[in-house]
Amino acid sequence: MALWYHRRLADVRRVLALADSLPGLRRIDLTVNYRCPRPVVERAVRLVAHNDERFVKTIQAGPTAHGRLILAPDGSDETIRMRHILESWPGDGGTRAILARTNAELLPAAAMALEMGLPFRAPRLRFLSEDRRVDAILEAARTVEAAGESPLPRLVDVATYCLERLPLPAATPLPVGAPAADTDARDADEPLPVETGELAAALVGWAAPYRTLPELAAAIERHRARIAELRRDDALLTLATAHSTKGLEFDHVAVVGLDAGRFPSARSLREAPEPARALEEERRLAYVAWTRARRSLTLVYDPASPSPFLLEAFSDVELNLDPAPC
């Protein structure tokens, strides 16, 4: 329990101090992990052992826990990384999940699932194309076009003007029943904020292959239809943040973004009032992500800048890192 206690108004120290608050409380350690393969348990335990605020206990894999831990150094761009993951899993009909620290890091995985035609479950993920402000911007661009001007080369100006000056609809809300973001998760599970420049730049990027506004609008509608077709609650593939997977398990898990500055989050550590405790919380979060796997765990990282958590759980040789120059 103490490995994961980061909920609203929660602090792992409250769990650790229960014995002081409740005299006579009896502690019973659960020391066998029946879910995860042995190498996953061993490396997750090695990682969390670097925390000072924890219950010290021995955790072992169950006798029938068989599977693999795969280190996947990959310096490719994000979408190529995701393709490598999706193509690496066996076609055994098992459940699979791509886990990241933030929702933003899951968008390349969703884009690749759309490209490959793979159904996926991602209840908290929203594409920019689903933002209802896009329709209002396209309508404003049509007005510019009707006035005799060519809107596609000026689409960034139209979009920026609309976003900054005109009353536009709010971004598409999450569906009814989607879990609320954990206030302590901060940038991880909260709905993705879309800034003016981001949406304007996205529209310009989408417009590049098209000659007319109707062609662009039709492409956006096709993209939305593709999302509606493939985003399904019964999909074998789940795209989720590590924060949202407490209590869940999957046959095959890939944890992405295990790069320096990303996991642990440099932003969270920088803004935390107690950076040392924030680092321990990030480490607990990584432990949760790694231990969701029943058959295989794949840890994806840039070999040029691996997460310090990988350096704590594995040797440089295992991570395929070049030795430091003398």
C-alpha atoms as a PDB file:
ATOM      1  CA  MET A   1       0.000   0.000   0.000  1.00  0.00           C
ATOM      2  CA  ALA A   2       2.806   2.408   0.850  1.00  0.00           C
ATOM      3  CA  LEU A   3       4.253   1.942  -2.628  1.00  0.00           C
ATOM      4  CA  TRP A   4       1.331   3.921  -4.022  1.00  0.00           C
ATOM      5  CA  TYR A   5      -0.514   6.427  -1.907  1.00  0.00           C
ATOM      6  CA  HIS A   6      -0.530   9.594  -3.980  1.00  0.00           C
ATOM      7  CA  ARG A   7      -4.177  10.591  -4.024  1.00  0.00           C
ATOM      8  CA  ARG A   8      -6.000  13.778  -3.031  1.00  0.00           C
ATOM      9  CA  LEU A   9      -4.662  15.178   0.231  1.00  0.00           C
ATOM     10  CA  ALA A  10      -2.612  11.998   0.666  1.00  0.00           C
ATOM     11  CA  ASP A  11       0.955  11.519   1.775  1.00  0.00           C
ATOM     12  CA  VAL A  12       2.878   8.276   2.071  1.00  0.00           C
ATOM     13  CA  ARG A  13       4.039   9.419   5.506  1.00  0.00           C
ATOM     14  CA  ARG A  14       0.479   8.971   6.791  1.00  0.00           C
ATOM     15  CA  VAL A  15       0.620   5.284   5.942  1.00  0.00           C
ATOM     16  CA  LEU A  16       4.074   4.877   7.399  1.00  0.00           C
ATOM     17  CA  ALA A  17       2.955   6.523  10.636  1.00  0.00           C
ATOM     18  CA  LEU A  18      -0.208   4.450  11.124  1.00  0.00           C
ATOM     19  CA  ALA A  19       1.398   2.324  13.834  1.00  0.00           C
ATOM     20  CA  ASP A  20       2.122   5.454  15.884  1.00  0.00           C
ATOM     21  CA  SER A  21      -1.482   6.617  15.548  1.00  0.00           C
ATOM     22  CA  LEU A  22      -3.099   3.221  16.194  1.00  0.00           C
ATOM     23  CA  PRO A  23      -1.435   1.391  19.092  1.00  0.00           C
ATOM     24  CA  GLY A  24      -1.668  -2.373  18.733  1.00  0.00           C
ATOM     25  CA  LEU A  25      -1.979  -2.219  14.955  1.00  0.00           C
ATOM     26  CA  ARG A  26      -0.642  -5.413  13.423  1.00  0.00           C
ATOM     27  CA  ARG A  27       1.377  -5.208  10.222  1.00  0.00           C
ATOM     28  CA  ILE A  28       1.099  -8.057   7.716  1.00  0.00           C
ATOM     29  CA  ASP A  29       3.480  -7.903   4.747  1.00  0.00           C
ATOM     30  CA  LEU A  30       2.309  -9.202   1.370  1.00  0.00           C
ATOM     31  CA  THR A  31       5.587 -10.462  -0.003  1.00  0.00           C
ATOM     32  CA  VAL A  32       4.620 -12.402  -3.162  1.00  0.00           C
ATOM     33  CA  ASN A  33       3.746 -10.693  -6.418  1.00  0.00           C
ATOM     34  CA  TYR A  34       1.605 -13.170  -8.365  1.00  0.00           C
ATOM     35  CA  ARG A  35       1.037 -10.876 -11.341  1.00  0.00           C
ATOM     36  CA  CYS A  36       4.426 -10.012 -12.787  1.00  0.00           C
ATOM     37  CA  PRO A  37       7.249 -12.065 -14.301  1.00  0.00           C
ATOM     38  CA  ARG A  38      10.265 -12.552 -12.074  1.00  0.00           C
ATOM     39  CA  PRO A  39      12.589 -10.092 -13.891  1.00  0.00           C
ATOM     40  CA  VAL A  40       9.921  -7.385 -13.677  1.00  0.00           C
ATOM     41  CA  VAL A  41       9.504  -7.887  -9.937  1.00  0.00           C
ATOM     42  CA  GLU A  42      13.243  -7.929  -9.328  1.00  0.00           C
ATOM     43  CA  ARG A  43      13.948  -4.692 -11.211  1.00  0.00           C
ATOM     44  CA  ALA A  44      10.890  -2.857  -9.882  1.00  0.00           C
ATOM     45  CA  VAL A  45      11.938  -3.755  -6.338  1.00  0.00           C
ATOM     46  CA  ARG A  46      15.501  -2.656  -7.068  1.00  0.00           C
ATOM     47  CA  LEU A  47      14.156   0.673  -8.283  1.00  0.00           C
ATOM     48  CA  VAL A  48      11.870   1.457  -5.348  1.00  0.00           C
ATOM     49  CA  ALA A  49      14.555   0.377  -2.879  1.00  0.00           C
ATOM     50  CA  HIS A  50      16.169   3.759  -3.543  1.00  0.00           C
ATOM     51  CA  ASN A  51      13.292   5.423  -1.642  1.00  0.00           C
ATOM     52  CA  ASP A  52      13.877   6.298   2.000  1.00  0.00           C
ATOM     53  CA  GLU A  53      10.187   6.675   2.908  1.00  0.00           C
ATOM     54  CA  ARG A  54       8.888   3.151   2.479  1.00  0.00           C
ATOM     55  CA  PHE A  55       8.198  -0.105   4.290  1.00  0.00           C
ATOM     56  CA  VAL A  56      11.297  -2.254   4.042  1.00  0.00           C
ATOM     57  CA  LYS A  57      10.221  -5.744   3.031  1.00  0.00           C
ATOM     58  CA  THR A  58      11.108  -8.555   0.668  1.00  0.00           C
ATOM     59  CA  ILE A  59       8.932  -8.945  -2.439  1.00  0.00           C
ATOM     60  CA  GLN A  60       9.296 -11.984  -4.670  1.00  0.00           C
ATOM     61  CA  ALA A  61       7.618 -13.207  -7.837  1.00  0.00           C
ATOM     62  CA  GLY A  62       5.117 -16.049  -7.585  1.00  0.00           C
ATOM     63  CA  PRO A  63       6.308 -19.521  -8.587  1.00  0.00           C
ATOM     64  CA  THR A  64       4.180 -19.541 -11.750  1.00  0.00           C
ATOM     65  CA  ALA A  65       4.979 -15.970 -12.857  1.00  0.00           C
ATOM     66  CA  HIS A  66       6.677 -16.393 -16.219  1.00  0.00           C
ATOM     67  CA  GLY A  67       7.457 -13.731 -18.770  1.00  0.00           C
ATOM     68  CA  ARG A  68       9.991 -11.227 -20.043  1.00  0.00           C
ATOM     69  CA  LEU A  69      11.378  -7.791 -19.352  1.00  0.00           C
ATOM     70  CA  ILE A  70      12.586  -6.113 -22.539  1.00  0.00           C
ATOM     71  CA  LEU A  71      14.871  -3.096 -22.605  1.00  0.00           C
ATOM     72  CA  ALA A  72      14.179  -1.151 -25.790  1.00  0.00           C
ATOM     73  CA  PRO A  73      16.673   1.635 -26.474  1.00  0.00           C
ATOM     74  CA  ASP A  74      15.224   3.647 -29.340  1.00  0.00           C
ATOM     75  CA  GLY A  75      16.446   7.019 -30.535  1.00  0.00           C
ATOM     76  CA  SER A  76      13.761   7.335 -33.231  1.00  0.00           C
ATOM     77  CA  ASP A  77      11.102  10.022 -33.198  1.00  0.00           C
ATOM     78  CA  GLU A  78       8.013   9.354 -31.097  1.00  0.00           C
ATOM     79  CA  THR A  79       5.734   7.960 -33.797  1.00  0.00           C
ATOM     80  CA  ILE A  80       8.393   5.524 -35.008  1.00  0.00           C
ATOM     81  CA  ARG A  81       8.985   4.419 -31.431  1.00  0.00           C
ATOM     82  CA  MET A  82       5.275   3.669 -31.120  1.00  0.00           C
ATOM     83  CA  ARG A  83       5.234   1.666 -34.348  1.00  0.00           C
ATOM     84  CA  HIS A  84       8.142  -0.411 -33.081  1.00  0.00           C
ATOM     85  CA  ILE A  85       6.209  -1.159 -29.886  1.00  0.00           C
ATOM     86  CA  LEU A  86       2.952  -2.046 -31.600  1.00  0.00           C
ATOM     87  CA  GLU A  87       4.703  -4.318 -34.085  1.00  0.00           C
ATOM     88  CA  SER A  88       6.760  -6.071 -31.406  1.00  0.00           C
ATOM     89  CA  TRP A  89       3.914  -7.595 -29.410  1.00  0.00           C
ATOM     90  CA  PRO A  90       2.894 -11.191 -30.152  1.00  0.00           C
ATOM     91  CA  GLY A  91      -0.439 -11.885 -31.778  1.00  0.00           C
ATOM     92  CA  ASP A  92      -1.623 -13.923 -28.806  1.00  0.00           C
ATOM     93  CA  GLY A  93      -4.894 -12.100 -28.245  1.00  0.00           C
ATOM     94  CA  GLY A  94      -3.653 -10.716 -24.937  1.00  0.00           C
ATOM     95  CA  THR A  95      -4.376  -7.302 -23.547  1.00  0.00           C
ATOM     96  CA  ARG A  96      -1.706  -4.692 -24.023  1.00  0.00           C
ATOM     97  CA  ALA A  97      -1.058  -1.170 -22.801  1.00  0.00           C
ATOM     98  CA  ILE A  98       1.202   1.731 -23.617  1.00  0.00           C
ATOM     99  CA  LEU A  99       1.776   3.741 -20.455  1.00  0.00           C
ATOM    100  CA  ALA A 100       3.314   7.190 -20.196  1.00  0.00           C
ATOM    101  CA  ARG A 101       3.694   9.772 -17.518  1.00  0.00           C
ATOM    102  CA  THR A 102       1.458  12.333 -19.262  1.00  0.00           C
ATOM    103  CA  ASN A 103      -1.428  12.319 -21.694  1.00  0.00           C
ATOM    104  CA  ALA A 104       0.569  14.428 -24.148  1.00  0.00           C
ATOM    105  CA  GLU A 105       3.103  11.613 -24.510  1.00  0.00           C
ATOM    106  CA  LEU A 106       0.325   9.232 -25.573  1.00  0.00           C
ATOM    107  CA  LEU A 107      -0.774  11.219 -28.632  1.00  0.00           C
ATOM    108  CA  PRO A 108       1.924   9.694 -30.916  1.00  0.00           C
ATOM    109  CA  ALA A 109       0.765   6.226 -29.834  1.00  0.00           C
ATOM    110  CA  ALA A 110      -2.832   7.090 -30.672  1.00  0.00           C
ATOM    111  CA  ALA A 111      -1.783   8.553 -34.019  1.00  0.00           C
ATOM    112  CA  MET A 112       0.096   5.369 -34.880  1.00  0.00           C
ATOM    113  CA  ALA A 113      -2.842   3.191 -33.807  1.00  0.00           C
ATOM    114  CA  LEU A 114      -5.046   5.192 -36.180  1.00  0.00           C
ATOM    115  CA  GLU A 115      -2.531   4.796 -39.001  1.00  0.00           C
ATOM    116  CA  MET A 116      -2.244   1.040 -38.411  1.00  0.00           C
ATOM    117  CA  GLY A 117      -6.000   0.554 -37.970  1.00  0.00           C
ATOM    118  CA  LEU A 118      -5.676  -0.762 -34.411  1.00  0.00           C
ATOM    119  CA  PRO A 119      -8.634  -0.302 -32.044  1.00  0.00           C
ATOM    120  CA  PHE A 120      -7.563   1.372 -28.826  1.00  0.00           C
ATOM    121  CA  ARG A 121      -9.009   2.439 -25.501  1.00  0.00           C
ATOM    122  CA  ALA A 122      -8.047   5.943 -24.359  1.00  0.00           C
ATOM    123  CA  PRO A 123     -10.901   7.550 -22.405  1.00  0.00           C
ATOM    124  CA  ARG A 124      -8.920  10.628 -21.350  1.00  0.00           C
ATOM    125  CA  LEU A 125      -7.103  11.314 -24.607  1.00  0.00           C
ATOM    126  CA  ARG A 126      -8.247  14.044 -26.979  1.00  0.00           C
ATOM    127  CA  PHE A 127      -6.928  14.859 -30.437  1.00  0.00           C
ATOM    128  CA  LEU A 128      -6.642  18.454 -31.603  1.00  0.00           C
ATOM    129  CA  SER A 129      -8.967  17.610 -34.475  1.00  0.00           C
ATOM    130  CA  GLU A 130     -11.722  16.965 -31.908  1.00  0.00           C
ATOM    131  CA  ASP A 131     -11.491  20.492 -30.542  1.00  0.00           C
ATOM    132  CA  ARG A 132     -14.783  22.201 -31.399  1.00  0.00           C
ATOM    133  CA  ARG A 133     -12.968  25.486 -32.011  1.00  0.00           C
ATOM    134  CA  VAL A 134     -11.618  24.003 -35.241  1.00  0.00           C
ATOM    135  CA  ASP A 135     -15.060  24.193 -36.850  1.00  0.00           C
ATOM    136  CA  ALA A 136     -15.463  27.836 -35.879  1.00  0.00           C
ATOM    137  CA  ILE A 137     -12.042  28.651 -37.311  1.00  0.00           C
ATOM    138  CA  LEU A 138     -12.846  26.888 -40.586  1.00  0.00           C
ATOM    139  CA  GLU A 139     -16.096  28.835 -40.810  1.00  0.00           C
ATOM    140  CA  ALA A 140     -14.196  32.097 -40.298  1.00  0.00           C
ATOM    141  CA  ALA A 141     -11.748  31.041 -43.009  1.00  0.00           C
ATOM    142  CA  ARG A 142     -14.661  30.420 -45.379  1.00  0.00           C
ATOM    143  CA  THR A 143     -15.783  33.998 -44.743  1.00  0.00           C
ATOM    144  CA  VAL A 144     -12.327  35.242 -45.700  1.00  0.00           C
ATOM    145  CA  GLU A 145     -12.454  33.096 -48.824  1.00  0.00           C
ATOM    146  CA  ALA A 146     -15.869  34.484 -49.766  1.00  0.00           C
ATOM    147  CA  ALA A 147     -14.372  37.972 -49.597  1.00  0.00           C
ATOM    148  CA  GLY A 148     -11.999  37.042 -52.388  1.00  0.00           C
ATOM    149  CA  GLU A 149      -8.896  36.269 -50.358  1.00  0.00           C
ATOM    150  CA  SER A 150      -7.068  32.947 -50.359  1.00  0.00           C
ATOM    151  CA  PRO A 151      -7.455  31.543 -46.813  1.00  0.00           C
ATOM    152  CA  LEU A 152      -5.099  28.577 -46.901  1.00  0.00           C
ATOM    153  CA  PRO A 153      -1.831  30.558 -46.992  1.00  0.00           C
ATOM    154  CA  ARG A 154      -3.320  32.816 -44.298  1.00  0.00           C
ATOM    155  CA  LEU A 155      -4.843  30.067 -42.208  1.00  0.00           C
ATOM    156  CA  VAL A 156      -2.448  30.636 -39.335  1.00  0.00           C
ATOM    157  CA  ASP A 157      -3.494  34.316 -39.229  1.00  0.00           C
ATOM    158  CA  VAL A 158      -7.176  33.416 -39.360  1.00  0.00           C
ATOM    159  CA  ALA A 159      -6.783  30.772 -36.666  1.00  0.00           C
ATOM    160  CA  THR A 160      -4.766  33.030 -34.379  1.00  0.00           C
ATOM    161  CA  TYR A 161      -7.262  35.875 -34.788  1.00  0.00           C
ATOM    162  CA  CYS A 162     -10.185  33.585 -34.051  1.00  0.00           C
ATOM    163  CA  LEU A 163      -8.576  32.056 -31.000  1.00  0.00           C
ATOM    164  CA  GLU A 164      -7.506  35.409 -29.550  1.00  0.00           C
ATOM    165  CA  ARG A 165     -10.395  37.693 -30.484  1.00  0.00           C
ATOM    166  CA  LEU A 166     -13.600  35.795 -31.220  1.00  0.00           C
ATOM    167  CA  PRO A 167     -15.941  34.032 -28.772  1.00  0.00           C
ATOM    168  CA  LEU A 168     -15.373  30.375 -29.660  1.00  0.00           C
ATOM    169  CA  PRO A 169     -16.820  27.175 -28.210  1.00  0.00           C
ATOM    170  CA  ALA A 170     -14.905  25.574 -25.383  1.00  0.00           C
ATOM    171  CA  ALA A 171     -12.702  22.607 -26.144  1.00  0.00           C
ATOM    172  CA  THR A 172     -14.566  19.306 -26.407  1.00  0.00           C
ATOM    173  CA  PRO A 173     -15.225  18.036 -22.860  1.00  0.00           C
ATOM    174  CA  LEU A 174     -14.426  14.549 -21.690  1.00  0.00           C
ATOM    175  CA  PRO A 175     -17.286  12.071 -22.071  1.00  0.00           C
ATOM    176  CA  VAL A 176     -19.676  11.433 -19.220  1.00  0.00           C
ATOM    177  CA  GLY A 177     -18.203   8.769 -16.965  1.00  0.00           C
ATOM    178  CA  ALA A 178     -14.559   9.523 -17.713  1.00  0.00           C
ATOM    179  CA  PRO A 179     -12.579   9.546 -14.470  1.00  0.00           C
ATOM    180  CA  ALA A 180     -11.716  12.932 -13.024  1.00  0.00           C
ATOM    181  CA  ALA A 181      -8.084  13.906 -12.994  1.00  0.00           C
ATOM    182  CA  ASP A 182      -6.199  13.355  -9.774  1.00  0.00           C
ATOM    183  CA  THR A 183      -5.368  16.815  -8.485  1.00  0.00           C
ATOM    184  CA  ASP A 184      -2.011  15.533  -7.295  1.00  0.00           C
ATOM    185  CA  ALA A 185      -1.189  14.117 -10.730  1.00  0.00           C
ATOM    186  CA  ARG A 186      -0.964  17.661 -12.136  1.00  0.00           C
ATOM    187  CA  ASP A 187       0.269  17.504 -15.713  1.00  0.00           C
ATOM    188  CA  ALA A 188      -0.200  13.757 -15.991  1.00  0.00           C
ATOM    189  CA  ASP A 189      -3.922  13.038 -16.053  1.00  0.00           C
ATOM    190  CA  GLU A 190      -5.480  16.422 -16.563  1.00  0.00           C
ATOM    191  CA  PRO A 191      -7.182  17.138 -19.920  1.00  0.00           C
ATOM    192  CA  LEU A 192      -4.654  18.479 -22.382  1.00  0.00           C
ATOM    193  CA  PRO A 193      -4.675  22.292 -22.514  1.00  0.00           C
ATOM    194  CA  VAL A 194      -4.599  23.585 -26.080  1.00  0.00           C
ATOM    195  CA  GLU A 195      -2.920  26.949 -26.413  1.00  0.00           C
ATOM    196  CA  THR A 196      -3.594  29.426 -29.195  1.00  0.00           C
ATOM    197  CA  GLY A 197      -0.325  28.831 -30.995  1.00  0.00           C
ATOM    198  CA  GLU A 198      -0.629  25.062 -30.748  1.00  0.00           C
ATOM    199  CA  LEU A 199      -4.037  24.885 -32.398  1.00  0.00           C
ATOM    200  CA  ALA A 200      -3.126  27.467 -35.041  1.00  0.00           C
ATOM    201  CA  ALA A 201       0.082  25.597 -35.883  1.00  0.00           C
ATOM    202  CA  ALA A 202      -1.834  22.317 -36.072  1.00  0.00           C
ATOM    203  CA  LEU A 203      -4.304  23.790 -38.559  1.00  0.00           C
ATOM    204  CA  VAL A 204      -1.473  25.043 -40.743  1.00  0.00           C
ATOM    205  CA  GLY A 205       0.163  21.634 -40.627  1.00  0.00           C
ATOM    206  CA  TRP A 206      -3.061  19.905 -41.602  1.00  0.00           C
ATOM    207  CA  ALA A 207      -3.628  22.358 -44.463  1.00  0.00           C
ATOM    208  CA  ALA A 208      -0.272  21.786 -46.148  1.00  0.00           C
ATOM    209  CA  PRO A 209      -1.335  18.885 -48.441  1.00  0.00           C
ATOM    210  CA  TYR A 210      -4.619  20.513 -49.510  1.00  0.00           C
ATOM    211  CA  ARG A 211      -5.424  23.189 -52.055  1.00  0.00           C
ATOM    212  CA  THR A 212      -8.866  24.262 -50.837  1.00  0.00           C
ATOM    213  CA  LEU A 213     -10.751  24.666 -47.594  1.00  0.00           C
ATOM    214  CA  PRO A 214     -13.339  22.002 -48.507  1.00  0.00           C
ATOM    215  CA  GLU A 215     -10.512  19.493 -49.002  1.00  0.00           C
ATOM    216  CA  LEU A 216      -9.060  20.390 -45.599  1.00  0.00           C
ATOM    217  CA  ALA A 217     -12.466  20.229 -43.894  1.00  0.00           C
ATOM    218  CA  ALA A 218     -13.155  16.829 -45.478  1.00  0.00           C
ATOM    219  CA  ALA A 219      -9.789  15.514 -44.263  1.00  0.00           C
ATOM    220  CA  ILE A 220     -10.552  16.639 -40.717  1.00  0.00           C
ATOM    221  CA  GLU A 221     -13.922  14.908 -40.837  1.00  0.00           C
ATOM    222  CA  ARG A 222     -12.276  11.701 -42.063  1.00  0.00           C
ATOM    223  CA  HIS A 223      -9.822  11.904 -39.179  1.00  0.00           C
ATOM    224  CA  ARG A 224     -12.666  12.349 -36.697  1.00  0.00           C
ATOM    225  CA  ALA A 225     -14.527   9.407 -38.212  1.00  0.00           C
ATOM    226  CA  ARG A 226     -11.404   7.260 -37.938  1.00  0.00           C
ATOM    227  CA  ILE A 227     -11.102   8.160 -34.259  1.00  0.00           C
ATOM    228  CA  ALA A 228     -14.764   7.314 -33.656  1.00  0.00           C
ATOM    229  CA  GLU A 229     -14.287   3.964 -35.401  1.00  0.00           C
ATOM    230  CA  LEU A 230     -11.145   2.838 -33.574  1.00  0.00           C
ATOM    231  CA  ARG A 231     -11.485   4.333 -30.086  1.00  0.00           C
ATOM    232  CA  ARG A 232     -13.489   1.624 -28.330  1.00  0.00           C
ATOM    233  CA  ASP A 233     -14.022   0.567 -24.736  1.00  0.00           C
ATOM    234  CA  ASP A 234     -13.576  -3.114 -25.660  1.00  0.00           C
ATOM    235  CA  ALA A 235     -10.214  -2.680 -27.432  1.00  0.00           C
ATOM    236  CA  LEU A 236      -7.314  -4.912 -26.423  1.00  0.00           C
ATOM    237  CA  LEU A 237      -4.941  -1.926 -26.568  1.00  0.00           C
ATOM    238  CA  THR A 238      -5.095   0.676 -23.800  1.00  0.00           C
ATOM    239  CA  LEU A 239      -3.311   4.028 -23.897  1.00  0.00           C
ATOM    240  CA  ALA A 240      -3.095   5.473 -20.407  1.00  0.00           C
ATOM    241  CA  THR A 241      -1.022   7.449 -17.966  1.00  0.00           C
ATOM    242  CA  ALA A 242       0.735   5.574 -15.204  1.00  0.00           C
ATOM    243  CA  HIS A 243      -1.325   7.575 -12.706  1.00  0.00           C
ATOM    244  CA  SER A 244      -4.560   6.078 -14.026  1.00  0.00           C
ATOM    245  CA  THR A 245      -3.532   2.399 -13.965  1.00  0.00           C
ATOM    246  CA  LYS A 246      -3.399   1.699 -10.227  1.00  0.00           C
ATOM    247  CA  GLY A 247      -5.130  -1.650  -9.695  1.00  0.00           C
ATOM    248  CA  LEU A 248      -5.115  -2.548 -13.407  1.00  0.00           C
ATOM    249  CA  GLU A 249      -3.110  -5.209 -15.217  1.00  0.00           C
ATOM    250  CA  PHE A 250      -2.369  -6.139 -18.818  1.00  0.00           C
ATOM    251  CA  ASP A 251      -0.673  -9.062 -20.518  1.00  0.00           C
ATOM    252  CA  HIS A 252       1.837  -6.885 -22.345  1.00  0.00           C
ATOM    253  CA  VAL A 253       2.913  -3.431 -21.168  1.00  0.00           C
ATOM    254  CA  ALA A 254       5.234  -0.853 -22.707  1.00  0.00           C
ATOM    255  CA  VAL A 255       6.289   2.138 -20.623  1.00  0.00           C
ATOM    256  CA  VAL A 256       7.422   4.996 -22.857  1.00  0.00           C
ATOM    257  CA  GLY A 257       9.215   8.253 -22.208  1.00  0.00           C
ATOM    258  CA  LEU A 258      11.785   6.788 -19.827  1.00  0.00           C
ATOM    259  CA  ASP A 259      14.155   9.588 -20.761  1.00  0.00           C
ATOM    260  CA  ALA A 260      16.002  12.093 -18.612  1.00  0.00           C
ATOM    261  CA  GLY A 261      13.744  15.023 -17.792  1.00  0.00           C
ATOM    262  CA  ARG A 262      10.556  13.206 -18.750  1.00  0.00           C
ATOM    263  CA  PHE A 263      10.236  10.416 -16.188  1.00  0.00           C
ATOM    264  CA  PRO A 264      10.869  11.563 -13.513  1.00  0.00           C
ATOM    265  CA  SER A 265       9.299  14.811 -14.591  1.00  0.00           C
ATOM    266  CA  ALA A 266      11.794  17.667 -14.437  1.00  0.00           C
ATOM    267  CA  ARG A 267       8.871  20.076 -14.145  1.00  0.00           C
ATOM    268  CA  SER A 268       7.360  18.314 -11.138  1.00  0.00           C
ATOM    269  CA  LEU A 269      10.696  18.157  -9.361  1.00  0.00           C
ATOM    270  CA  ARG A 270      11.474  21.795 -10.144  1.00  0.00           C
ATOM    271  CA  GLU A 271       8.114  23.051  -8.863  1.00  0.00           C
ATOM    272  CA  ALA A 272       7.814  20.756  -5.855  1.00  0.00           C
ATOM    273  CA  PRO A 273       8.157  22.341  -2.393  1.00  0.00           C
ATOM    274  CA  GLU A 274      10.036  19.192  -1.332  1.00  0.00           C
ATOM    275  CA  PRO A 275      11.998  17.955  -4.373  1.00  0.00           C
ATOM    276  CA  ALA A 276      13.425  14.896  -2.592  1.00  0.00           C
ATOM    277  CA  ARG A 277       9.955  13.658  -1.667  1.00  0.00           C
ATOM    278  CA  ALA A 278       8.672  14.477  -5.157  1.00  0.00           C
ATOM    279  CA  LEU A 279      11.434  12.311  -6.609  1.00  0.00           C
ATOM    280  CA  GLU A 280      10.401   9.425  -4.357  1.00  0.00           C
ATOM    281  CA  GLU A 281       6.791   9.849  -5.510  1.00  0.00           C
ATOM    282  CA  GLU A 282       7.909   9.741  -9.129  1.00  0.00           C
ATOM    283  CA  ARG A 283       9.802   6.552  -8.342  1.00  0.00           C
ATOM    284  CA  ARG A 284       6.677   4.994  -6.809  1.00  0.00           C
ATOM    285  CA  LEU A 285       4.803   5.967  -9.958  1.00  0.00           C
ATOM    286  CA  ALA A 286       7.376   4.195 -12.114  1.00  0.00           C
ATOM    287  CA  TYR A 287       7.034   1.139  -9.875  1.00  0.00           C
ATOM    288  CA  VAL A 288       3.277   1.141 -10.466  1.00  0.00           C
ATOM    289  CA  ALA A 289       3.732   1.424 -14.234  1.00  0.00           C
ATOM    290  CA  TRP A 290       6.298  -1.384 -14.411  1.00  0.00           C
ATOM    291  CA  THR A 291       4.249  -3.771 -12.289  1.00  0.00           C
ATOM    292  CA  ARG A 292       1.107  -3.665 -14.454  1.00  0.00           C
ATOM    293  CA  ALA A 293       2.569  -6.391 -16.729  1.00  0.00           C
ATOM    294  CA  ARG A 294       1.527 -10.050 -16.580  1.00  0.00           C
ATOM    295  CA  ARG A 295       3.554 -11.517 -19.473  1.00  0.00           C
ATOM    296  CA  SER A 296       5.952  -8.905 -20.800  1.00  0.00           C
ATOM    297  CA  LEU A 297       7.209  -5.458 -19.877  1.00  0.00           C
ATOM    298  CA  THR A 298       8.972  -3.279 -22.441  1.00  0.00           C
ATOM    299  CA  LEU A 299      10.834  -0.193 -21.213  1.00  0.00           C
ATOM    300  CA  VAL A 300      11.401   2.312 -24.017  1.00  0.00           C
ATOM    301  CA  TYR A 301      14.071   4.994 -23.714  1.00  0.00           C
ATOM    302  CA  ASP A 302      16.501   7.147 -25.652  1.00  0.00           C
ATOM    303  CA  PRO A 303      19.940   5.537 -25.236  1.00  0.00           C
ATOM    304  CA  ALA A 304      21.498   9.000 -25.381  1.00  0.00           C
ATOM    305  CA  SER A 305      19.627  10.166 -22.271  1.00  0.00           C
ATOM    306  CA  PRO A 306      18.028   7.352 -20.250  1.00  0.00           C
ATOM    307  CA  SER A 307      15.925   8.080 -17.196  1.00  0.00           C
ATOM    308  CA  PRO A 308      17.824   8.015 -13.910  1.00  0.00           C
ATOM    309  CA  PHE A 309      15.308   5.381 -12.825  1.00  0.00           C
ATOM    310  CA  LEU A 310      16.722   3.037 -15.466  1.00  0.00           C
ATOM    311  CA  LEU A 311      20.215   3.765 -14.200  1.00  0.00           C
ATOM    312  CA  GLU A 312      19.057   2.768 -10.723  1.00  0.00           C
ATOM    313  CA  ALA A 313      17.454  -0.501 -11.822  1.00  0.00           C
ATOM    314  CA  PHE A 314      19.897  -1.644 -14.518  1.00  0.00           C
ATOM    315  CA  SER A 315      23.603  -1.551 -15.281  1.00  0.00           C
ATOM    316  CA  ASP A 316      25.109   0.477 -18.132  1.00  0.00           C
ATOM    317  CA  VAL A 317      25.880  -2.772 -19.938  1.00  0.00           C
ATOM    318  CA  GLU A 318      22.258  -3.904 -19.710  1.00  0.00           C
ATOM    319  CA  LEU A 319      21.076  -0.532 -20.974  1.00  0.00           C
ATOM    320  CA  ASN A 320      23.541  -0.699 -23.879  1.00  0.00           C
ATOM    321  CA  LEU A 321      25.112   2.597 -22.870  1.00  0.00           C
ATOM    322  CA  ASP A 322      28.519   3.712 -24.039  1.00  0.00           C
ATOM    323  CA  PRO A 323      31.054   3.934 -21.204  1.00  0.00           C
ATOM    324  CA  ALA A 324      31.898   7.427 -20.074  1.00  0.00           C
ATOM    325  CA  PRO A 325      35.108   8.772 -21.698  1.00  0.00           C
ATOM    326  CA  CYS A 326      38.190   8.675 -19.520  1.00  0.00           C
END
